[in-house]
Amino acid sequence: MTKIHQTAGKDQLGSFAPEFAHFNDDILFGENWSNDDISQKTRSIVTISVFIGRGLVDSSLKYHLQTAKKNGVTRKEIAAIITHAAFYAGWPVAWAAFNMAKEVWTEETIEDAKDAYQNSIIFPIGDSNDAYAQYFTGQSYLSQVTNDPFTIHNVTFEPGVINHWHIHHATKGGGQMLIAVGGCGYVQLEGQDPVELKPGDSFFVPANTKHWHGAAPDSWFSHLAFMVPGEGQSNEWLEPVDETFYTNLK
C-alpha cells in the first residue's frame, strides 16, 4: 500500500472543523487514496473526470491536475481525458480545464515541442547552452558536431530566442560561418537589414563586425557555426538587441 500523508484539512480547517479535517486527511487521502486496489494514476483520472463532470473548475481541480501529473498522467493523456469529458460535461467547462492543464503541463509541452523539432532536423540539438546563457534572451542548446580539423557546433534556439550583439575579433583572417539546418531565423550585421535564414542558407559574418543571430519570433531555429581560422581571435559580447525591433520581424 502506498501511504499518502495529507495535512491540508488540519492546516486549513483543523480548529474550525476538526472532524471534517480528520475525514479529509485520514480517511479520504490516508485510507481511500492509499488503497492499492486501483492505481493512484487511475484515481487521479477518475477524480478529474468527476470534477469536470460536475463543472468544478476551481483551485481544487488544479490541485488534482498537479497530483495527476505527479501520478504519471502525461500531457497527451490529460488532453485526451479533457477532450473526451467535453462531450459529456460541456465545452465551456473543458476550456476552463484546459487552461489549468496547460499551466500544469507547461514543461512537458516544451519538451514535446523540442522532441518534435529534433525529429525534423538531422543534427542533434544537444545540451542546454549554460556557459553562454547570459548572452541569450532565452533557452538555447549546443551540440559539438566535429572536432578536427576545426570545431563545428550546432546551435539551437527556442522560438523567440536570439543572442546579444557581439563581435568576433581577429587581427588577421577570422570571421564566422553560419549554415542554417532547421527552422527559421535571422542574422543581422550592424547598419544592415536582418537577413532571414532557412535550412540550406548560409551567411558569413566578417571578423570585427558587430552582429546578432537567432530564431524568428515564432519558430525554432538551428544553425551550424564555425570560426574561420585567423590570428588574434577573441569574442566580445555587447548589449541585447532592441526587443521592439526584433518582435516586429516577419
C-alpha atoms as a PDB file:
ATOM      1  CA  MET A   1       0.000   0.000   0.000  1.00  0.00           C
ATOM      2  CA  THR A   2       1.304   3.452  -0.960  1.00  0.00           C
ATOM      3  CA  LYS A   3       0.578   5.653   2.023  1.00  0.00           C
ATOM      4  CA  ILE A   4      -0.368   9.282   1.334  1.00  0.00           C
ATOM      5  CA  HIS A   5       0.327  11.836   4.027  1.00  0.00           C
ATOM      6  CA  GLN A   6      -2.154  14.715   3.745  1.00  0.00           C
ATOM      7  CA  THR A   7      -2.430  17.658   6.158  1.00  0.00           C
ATOM      8  CA  ALA A   8      -4.428  20.212   4.151  1.00  0.00           C
ATOM      9  CA  GLY A   9      -7.589  19.606   6.174  1.00  0.00           C
ATOM     10  CA  LYS A  10      -5.885  20.076   9.529  1.00  0.00           C
ATOM     11  CA  ASP A  11      -3.846  23.031   8.248  1.00  0.00           C
ATOM     12  CA  GLN A  12      -6.854  24.930   6.904  1.00  0.00           C
ATOM     13  CA  LEU A  13      -9.816  23.671   8.980  1.00  0.00           C
ATOM     14  CA  GLY A  14      -8.303  21.911  11.961  1.00  0.00           C
ATOM     15  CA  SER A  15      -9.555  24.365  14.573  1.00  0.00           C
ATOM     16  CA  PHE A  16     -12.834  25.244  12.801  1.00  0.00           C
ATOM     17  CA  ALA A  17     -13.978  21.784  11.646  1.00  0.00           C
ATOM     18  CA  PRO A  18     -11.670  19.132  13.156  1.00  0.00           C
ATOM     19  CA  GLU A  19     -13.959  16.221  12.231  1.00  0.00           C
ATOM     20  CA  PHE A  20     -14.081  17.282   8.568  1.00  0.00           C
ATOM     21  CA  ALA A  21     -10.289  17.744   8.629  1.00  0.00           C
ATOM     22  CA  HIS A  22      -9.948  14.207  10.005  1.00  0.00           C
ATOM     23  CA  PHE A  23     -12.173  12.739   7.282  1.00  0.00           C
ATOM     24  CA  ASN A  24     -10.268  14.656   4.576  1.00  0.00           C
ATOM     25  CA  ASP A  25      -6.737  13.866   5.716  1.00  0.00           C
ATOM     26  CA  ASP A  26      -7.038  10.479   7.379  1.00  0.00           C
ATOM     27  CA  ILE A  27      -9.930   8.800   5.560  1.00  0.00           C
ATOM     28  CA  LEU A  28     -10.178  10.276   2.043  1.00  0.00           C
ATOM     29  CA  PHE A  29      -6.436  10.536   1.457  1.00  0.00           C
ATOM     30  CA  GLY A  30      -4.943   8.440   4.255  1.00  0.00           C
ATOM     31  CA  GLU A  31      -7.082   5.365   3.512  1.00  0.00           C
ATOM     32  CA  ASN A  32      -9.016   5.695   0.246  1.00  0.00           C
ATOM     33  CA  TRP A  33      -6.291   7.295  -1.904  1.00  0.00           C
ATOM     34  CA  SER A  34      -3.724   4.974  -0.322  1.00  0.00           C
ATOM     35  CA  ASN A  35      -5.664   1.841  -1.254  1.00  0.00           C
ATOM     36  CA  ASP A  36      -3.828  -0.061  -3.994  1.00  0.00           C
ATOM     37  CA  ASP A  37      -6.896  -1.807  -5.439  1.00  0.00           C
ATOM     38  CA  ILE A  38      -6.584   0.719  -8.261  1.00  0.00           C
ATOM     39  CA  SER A  39      -3.532   2.822  -9.040  1.00  0.00           C
ATOM     40  CA  GLN A  40      -3.183   6.411  -7.912  1.00  0.00           C
ATOM     41  CA  LYS A  41      -2.924   7.388 -11.590  1.00  0.00           C
ATOM     42  CA  THR A  42      -6.359   5.836 -12.170  1.00  0.00           C
ATOM     43  CA  ARG A  43      -7.731   7.605  -9.086  1.00  0.00           C
ATOM     44  CA  SER A  44      -6.437  10.904 -10.465  1.00  0.00           C
ATOM     45  CA  ILE A  45      -8.161  10.297 -13.804  1.00  0.00           C
ATOM     46  CA  VAL A  46     -11.438   9.360 -12.090  1.00  0.00           C
ATOM     47  CA  THR A  47     -11.279  12.373  -9.781  1.00  0.00           C
ATOM     48  CA  ILE A  48     -10.559  14.827 -12.586  1.00  0.00           C
ATOM     49  CA  SER A  49     -13.387  13.346 -14.656  1.00  0.00           C
ATOM     50  CA  VAL A  50     -15.830  13.774 -11.762  1.00  0.00           C
ATOM     51  CA  PHE A  51     -14.732  17.364 -11.159  1.00  0.00           C
ATOM     52  CA  ILE A  52     -15.156  18.271 -14.822  1.00  0.00           C
ATOM     53  CA  GLY A  53     -18.470  16.428 -14.999  1.00  0.00           C
ATOM     54  CA  ARG A  54     -19.765  18.496 -12.076  1.00  0.00           C
ATOM     55  CA  GLY A  55     -18.412  21.722 -13.574  1.00  0.00           C
ATOM     56  CA  LEU A  56     -15.896  22.213 -10.749  1.00  0.00           C
ATOM     57  CA  VAL A  57     -13.031  24.100 -12.354  1.00  0.00           C
ATOM     58  CA  ASP A  58     -11.640  25.983  -9.383  1.00  0.00           C
ATOM     59  CA  SER A  59      -8.371  25.668  -7.444  1.00  0.00           C
ATOM     60  CA  SER A  60      -9.334  22.196  -6.236  1.00  0.00           C
ATOM     61  CA  LEU A  61      -9.305  20.907  -9.825  1.00  0.00           C
ATOM     62  CA  LYS A  62      -5.897  22.464 -10.379  1.00  0.00           C
ATOM     63  CA  TYR A  63      -4.636  20.654  -7.268  1.00  0.00           C
ATOM     64  CA  HIS A  64      -5.853  17.337  -8.702  1.00  0.00           C
ATOM     65  CA  LEU A  65      -4.325  18.148 -12.094  1.00  0.00           C
ATOM     66  CA  GLN A  66      -0.994  18.699 -10.355  1.00  0.00           C
ATOM     67  CA  THR A  67      -1.467  15.440  -8.466  1.00  0.00           C
ATOM     68  CA  ALA A  68      -2.312  13.652 -11.715  1.00  0.00           C
ATOM     69  CA  LYS A  69       0.940  14.825 -13.271  1.00  0.00           C
ATOM     70  CA  LYS A  70       2.868  13.525 -10.249  1.00  0.00           C
ATOM     71  CA  ASN A  71       0.984  10.231 -10.593  1.00  0.00           C
ATOM     72  CA  GLY A  72       2.160   9.778 -14.173  1.00  0.00           C
ATOM     73  CA  VAL A  73      -0.574  11.315 -16.315  1.00  0.00           C
ATOM     74  CA  THR A  74       1.130  12.785 -19.396  1.00  0.00           C
ATOM     75  CA  ARG A  75       0.215  15.898 -21.345  1.00  0.00           C
ATOM     76  CA  LYS A  76      -1.163  13.794 -24.204  1.00  0.00           C
ATOM     77  CA  GLU A  77      -3.251  11.746 -21.784  1.00  0.00           C
ATOM     78  CA  ILE A  78      -4.745  14.742 -19.962  1.00  0.00           C
ATOM     79  CA  ALA A  79      -5.556  16.362 -23.305  1.00  0.00           C
ATOM     80  CA  ALA A  80      -7.404  13.197 -24.361  1.00  0.00           C
ATOM     81  CA  ILE A  81      -9.178  12.929 -20.991  1.00  0.00           C
ATOM     82  CA  ILE A  82     -10.470  16.509 -21.068  1.00  0.00           C
ATOM     83  CA  THR A  83     -11.437  16.236 -24.750  1.00  0.00           C
ATOM     84  CA  HIS A  84     -13.444  13.083 -24.040  1.00  0.00           C
ATOM     85  CA  ALA A  85     -15.089  14.659 -20.993  1.00  0.00           C
ATOM     86  CA  ALA A  86     -16.058  17.734 -23.029  1.00  0.00           C
ATOM     87  CA  PHE A  87     -18.710  15.756 -24.913  1.00  0.00           C
ATOM     88  CA  TYR A  88     -20.437  14.880 -21.624  1.00  0.00           C
ATOM     89  CA  ALA A  89     -19.619  17.841 -19.368  1.00  0.00           C
ATOM     90  CA  GLY A  90     -19.806  20.694 -21.864  1.00  0.00           C
ATOM     91  CA  TRP A  91     -17.385  22.700 -23.975  1.00  0.00           C
ATOM     92  CA  PRO A  92     -17.013  25.753 -21.677  1.00  0.00           C
ATOM     93  CA  VAL A  93     -16.046  23.533 -18.730  1.00  0.00           C
ATOM     94  CA  ALA A  94     -13.489  21.750 -20.887  1.00  0.00           C
ATOM     95  CA  TRP A  95     -11.993  25.080 -21.986  1.00  0.00           C
ATOM     96  CA  ALA A  96     -11.599  26.094 -18.342  1.00  0.00           C
ATOM     97  CA  ALA A  97      -9.997  22.739 -17.507  1.00  0.00           C
ATOM     98  CA  PHE A  98      -7.619  23.014 -20.470  1.00  0.00           C
ATOM     99  CA  ASN A  99      -6.467  26.460 -19.336  1.00  0.00           C
ATOM    100  CA  MET A 100      -5.495  24.946 -15.979  1.00  0.00           C
ATOM    101  CA  ALA A 101      -3.905  21.863 -17.539  1.00  0.00           C
ATOM    102  CA  LYS A 102      -1.716  23.988 -19.806  1.00  0.00           C
ATOM    103  CA  GLU A 103      -0.287  25.707 -16.716  1.00  0.00           C
ATOM    104  CA  VAL A 104       0.421  22.377 -15.005  1.00  0.00           C
ATOM    105  CA  TRP A 105       1.989  20.629 -18.007  1.00  0.00           C
ATOM    106  CA  THR A 106       3.967  23.654 -19.282  1.00  0.00           C
ATOM    107  CA  GLU A 107       7.401  21.998 -19.035  1.00  0.00           C
ATOM    108  CA  GLU A 108       6.221  18.819 -20.695  1.00  0.00           C
ATOM    109  CA  THR A 109       4.703  20.824 -23.548  1.00  0.00           C
ATOM    110  CA  ILE A 110       8.084  22.442 -24.140  1.00  0.00           C
ATOM    111  CA  GLU A 111       9.808  19.060 -24.081  1.00  0.00           C
ATOM    112  CA  ASP A 112       7.271  17.646 -26.552  1.00  0.00           C
ATOM    113  CA  ALA A 113       7.903  20.593 -28.891  1.00  0.00           C
ATOM    114  CA  LYS A 114      11.639  20.108 -28.522  1.00  0.00           C
ATOM    115  CA  ASP A 115      11.351  16.397 -29.343  1.00  0.00           C
ATOM    116  CA  ALA A 116       9.182  17.132 -32.373  1.00  0.00           C
ATOM    117  CA  TYR A 117      11.655  19.726 -33.613  1.00  0.00           C
ATOM    118  CA  GLN A 118      14.586  17.353 -33.040  1.00  0.00           C
ATOM    119  CA  ASN A 119      12.864  14.790 -35.257  1.00  0.00           C
ATOM    120  CA  SER A 120      12.679  17.384 -38.035  1.00  0.00           C
ATOM    121  CA  ILE A 121      16.430  18.025 -38.274  1.00  0.00           C
ATOM    122  CA  ILE A 122      19.483  15.837 -38.863  1.00  0.00           C
ATOM    123  CA  PHE A 123      21.905  17.314 -36.350  1.00  0.00           C
ATOM    124  CA  PRO A 124      21.430  16.779 -32.610  1.00  0.00           C
ATOM    125  CA  ILE A 125      20.097  19.671 -30.529  1.00  0.00           C
ATOM    126  CA  GLY A 126      22.450  18.837 -27.697  1.00  0.00           C
ATOM    127  CA  ASP A 127      22.501  20.145 -24.156  1.00  0.00           C
ATOM    128  CA  SER A 128      21.458  23.438 -22.617  1.00  0.00           C
ATOM    129  CA  ASN A 129      23.893  26.178 -23.597  1.00  0.00           C
ATOM    130  CA  ASP A 130      24.520  27.163 -19.977  1.00  0.00           C
ATOM    131  CA  ALA A 131      28.027  28.558 -20.446  1.00  0.00           C
ATOM    132  CA  TYR A 132      26.696  31.375 -22.651  1.00  0.00           C
ATOM    133  CA  ALA A 133      23.168  31.657 -21.251  1.00  0.00           C
ATOM    134  CA  GLN A 134      23.749  35.233 -20.062  1.00  0.00           C
ATOM    135  CA  TYR A 135      24.245  36.334 -23.669  1.00  0.00           C
ATOM    136  CA  PHE A 136      20.956  34.859 -24.955  1.00  0.00           C
ATOM    137  CA  THR A 137      17.402  36.121 -24.446  1.00  0.00           C
ATOM    138  CA  GLY A 138      16.129  32.653 -23.532  1.00  0.00           C
ATOM    139  CA  GLN A 139      16.866  28.944 -23.838  1.00  0.00           C
ATOM    140  CA  SER A 140      19.433  27.781 -26.372  1.00  0.00           C
ATOM    141  CA  TYR A 141      21.220  24.466 -26.900  1.00  0.00           C
ATOM    142  CA  LEU A 142      24.676  23.471 -28.101  1.00  0.00           C
ATOM    143  CA  SER A 143      25.970  20.297 -29.730  1.00  0.00           C
ATOM    144  CA  GLN A 144      29.533  19.806 -30.962  1.00  0.00           C
ATOM    145  CA  VAL A 145      29.366  18.198 -34.393  1.00  0.00           C
ATOM    146  CA  THR A 146      33.085  17.960 -35.243  1.00  0.00           C
ATOM    147  CA  ASN A 147      36.424  18.457 -33.530  1.00  0.00           C
ATOM    148  CA  ASP A 148      39.205  18.190 -36.118  1.00  0.00           C
ATOM    149  CA  PRO A 149      40.435  19.941 -38.194  1.00  0.00           C
ATOM    150  CA  PHE A 150      38.261  22.676 -36.637  1.00  0.00           C
ATOM    151  CA  THR A 151      35.254  22.733 -34.327  1.00  0.00           C
ATOM    152  CA  ILE A 152      31.715  22.980 -35.677  1.00  0.00           C
ATOM    153  CA  HIS A 153      28.739  23.386 -33.346  1.00  0.00           C
ATOM    154  CA  ASN A 154      25.037  23.040 -33.976  1.00  0.00           C
ATOM    155  CA  VAL A 155      23.389  25.920 -32.113  1.00  0.00           C
ATOM    156  CA  THR A 156      19.626  25.661 -31.499  1.00  0.00           C
ATOM    157  CA  PHE A 157      17.358  28.477 -30.350  1.00  0.00           C
ATOM    158  CA  GLU A 158      13.856  28.054 -28.942  1.00  0.00           C
ATOM    159  CA  PRO A 159      11.202  30.267 -30.608  1.00  0.00           C
ATOM    160  CA  GLY A 160      11.779  33.940 -29.873  1.00  0.00           C
ATOM    161  CA  VAL A 161      15.343  33.423 -28.625  1.00  0.00           C
ATOM    162  CA  ILE A 162      18.345  35.269 -30.036  1.00  0.00           C
ATOM    163  CA  ASN A 163      21.816  36.181 -28.813  1.00  0.00           C
ATOM    164  CA  HIS A 164      23.090  39.660 -27.971  1.00  0.00           C
ATOM    165  CA  TRP A 165      25.064  41.886 -30.267  1.00  0.00           C
ATOM    166  CA  HIS A 166      28.639  40.628 -30.367  1.00  0.00           C
ATOM    167  CA  ILE A 167      31.913  40.816 -32.300  1.00  0.00           C
ATOM    168  CA  HIS A 168      34.360  38.106 -33.325  1.00  0.00           C
ATOM    169  CA  HIS A 169      37.644  39.971 -33.289  1.00  0.00           C
ATOM    170  CA  ALA A 170      40.700  38.945 -35.315  1.00  0.00           C
ATOM    171  CA  THR A 171      43.917  40.674 -36.294  1.00  0.00           C
ATOM    172  CA  LYS A 172      44.145  38.531 -39.415  1.00  0.00           C
ATOM    173  CA  GLY A 173      41.604  36.257 -41.117  1.00  0.00           C
ATOM    174  CA  GLY A 174      38.812  35.106 -38.862  1.00  0.00           C
ATOM    175  CA  GLY A 175      35.072  35.604 -39.090  1.00  0.00           C
ATOM    176  CA  GLN A 176      32.202  33.178 -38.536  1.00  0.00           C
ATOM    177  CA  MET A 177      30.237  30.994 -40.951  1.00  0.00           C
ATOM    178  CA  LEU A 178      26.605  30.154 -40.234  1.00  0.00           C
ATOM    179  CA  ILE A 179      24.722  27.389 -42.084  1.00  0.00           C
ATOM    180  CA  ALA A 180      21.013  27.058 -41.297  1.00  0.00           C
ATOM    181  CA  VAL A 181      19.876  23.463 -40.758  1.00  0.00           C
ATOM    182  CA  GLY A 182      16.410  23.784 -39.196  1.00  0.00           C
ATOM    183  CA  GLY A 183      13.502  26.139 -38.575  1.00  0.00           C
ATOM    184  CA  CYS A 184      13.696  29.831 -39.395  1.00  0.00           C
ATOM    185  CA  GLY A 185      15.962  32.525 -38.021  1.00  0.00           C
ATOM    186  CA  TYR A 186      17.724  35.798 -38.671  1.00  0.00           C
ATOM    187  CA  VAL A 187      21.208  37.277 -38.720  1.00  0.00           C
ATOM    188  CA  GLN A 188      21.963  40.983 -38.807  1.00  0.00           C
ATOM    189  CA  LEU A 189      25.164  42.939 -39.281  1.00  0.00           C
ATOM    190  CA  GLU A 190      25.232  46.377 -37.698  1.00  0.00           C
ATOM    191  CA  GLY A 191      23.966  49.015 -40.138  1.00  0.00           C
ATOM    192  CA  GLN A 192      22.319  46.451 -42.428  1.00  0.00           C
ATOM    193  CA  ASP A 193      18.858  44.890 -42.634  1.00  0.00           C
ATOM    194  CA  PRO A 194      18.277  41.493 -40.958  1.00  0.00           C
ATOM    195  CA  VAL A 195      18.664  38.502 -43.281  1.00  0.00           C
ATOM    196  CA  GLU A 196      16.247  35.576 -42.962  1.00  0.00           C
ATOM    197  CA  LEU A 197      17.838  32.137 -42.753  1.00  0.00           C
ATOM    198  CA  LYS A 198      16.124  28.854 -43.585  1.00  0.00           C
ATOM    199  CA  PRO A 199      17.574  25.330 -43.955  1.00  0.00           C
ATOM    200  CA  GLY A 200      20.288  25.347 -46.610  1.00  0.00           C
ATOM    201  CA  ASP A 201      21.016  29.086 -46.333  1.00  0.00           C
ATOM    202  CA  SER A 202      24.483  30.209 -45.312  1.00  0.00           C
ATOM    203  CA  PHE A 203      25.861  33.506 -44.098  1.00  0.00           C
ATOM    204  CA  PHE A 204      29.394  34.739 -43.462  1.00  0.00           C
ATOM    205  CA  VAL A 205      29.986  37.188 -40.639  1.00  0.00           C
ATOM    206  CA  PRO A 206      33.232  39.089 -41.297  1.00  0.00           C
ATOM    207  CA  ALA A 207      35.709  39.460 -38.483  1.00  0.00           C
ATOM    208  CA  ASN A 208      35.433  42.599 -36.327  1.00  0.00           C
ATOM    209  CA  THR A 209      31.790  43.112 -37.337  1.00  0.00           C
ATOM    210  CA  LYS A 210      29.048  43.743 -34.774  1.00  0.00           C
ATOM    211  CA  HIS A 211      26.133  41.354 -35.323  1.00  0.00           C
ATOM    212  CA  TRP A 212      23.485  39.099 -33.764  1.00  0.00           C
ATOM    213  CA  HIS A 213      21.616  35.964 -34.837  1.00  0.00           C
ATOM    214  CA  GLY A 214      18.913  33.606 -33.592  1.00  0.00           C
ATOM    215  CA  ALA A 215      15.393  32.291 -34.081  1.00  0.00           C
ATOM    216  CA  ALA A 216      12.455  34.053 -35.645  1.00  0.00           C
ATOM    217  CA  PRO A 217       9.875  35.182 -33.049  1.00  0.00           C
ATOM    218  CA  ASP A 218       7.587  32.229 -33.825  1.00  0.00           C
ATOM    219  CA  SER A 219       9.991  29.445 -34.857  1.00  0.00           C
ATOM    220  CA  TRP A 220      12.666  27.120 -33.571  1.00  0.00           C
ATOM    221  CA  PHE A 221      15.968  27.630 -35.339  1.00  0.00           C
ATOM    222  CA  SER A 222      19.261  25.745 -35.695  1.00  0.00           C
ATOM    223  CA  HIS A 223      22.447  26.647 -37.484  1.00  0.00           C
ATOM    224  CA  LEU A 224      25.914  25.165 -37.749  1.00  0.00           C
ATOM    225  CA  ALA A 225      28.511  27.667 -36.605  1.00  0.00           C
ATOM    226  CA  PHE A 226      32.258  27.596 -37.042  1.00  0.00           C
ATOM    227  CA  MET A 227      35.051  30.121 -36.861  1.00  0.00           C
ATOM    228  CA  VAL A 228      37.236  30.763 -39.880  1.00  0.00           C
ATOM    229  CA  PRO A 229      40.905  30.302 -38.895  1.00  0.00           C
ATOM    230  CA  GLY A 230      42.743  33.508 -38.125  1.00  0.00           C
ATOM    231  CA  GLU A 231      45.105  35.239 -35.758  1.00  0.00           C
ATOM    232  CA  GLY A 232      44.448  37.237 -32.596  1.00  0.00           C
ATOM    233  CA  GLN A 233      40.907  35.914 -32.301  1.00  0.00           C
ATOM    234  CA  SER A 234      38.584  36.789 -29.401  1.00  0.00           C
ATOM    235  CA  ASN A 235      34.884  37.327 -28.760  1.00  0.00           C
ATOM    236  CA  GLU A 236      33.273  40.447 -27.333  1.00  0.00           C
ATOM    237  CA  TRP A 237      29.678  40.307 -26.074  1.00  0.00           C
ATOM    238  CA  LEU A 238      27.683  43.534 -26.122  1.00  0.00           C
ATOM    239  CA  GLU A 239      24.163  44.809 -25.409  1.00  0.00           C
ATOM    240  CA  PRO A 240      20.898  42.937 -26.153  1.00  0.00           C
ATOM    241  CA  VAL A 241      19.042  43.578 -29.412  1.00  0.00           C
ATOM    242  CA  ASP A 242      16.179  46.075 -29.162  1.00  0.00           C
ATOM    243  CA  GLU A 243      13.176  43.961 -28.190  1.00  0.00           C
ATOM    244  CA  THR A 244      10.574  46.007 -30.082  1.00  0.00           C
ATOM    245  CA  PHE A 245      12.614  45.884 -33.286  1.00  0.00           C
ATOM    246  CA  TYR A 246      13.077  42.130 -33.019  1.00  0.00           C
ATOM    247  CA  THR A 247       9.452  41.227 -32.229  1.00  0.00           C
ATOM    248  CA  ASN A 248       8.297  43.143 -35.311  1.00  0.00           C
ATOM    249  CA  LEU A 249      10.382  40.983 -37.638  1.00  0.00           C
ATOM    250  CA  LYS A 250       8.230  38.947 -40.001  1.00  0.00           C
END
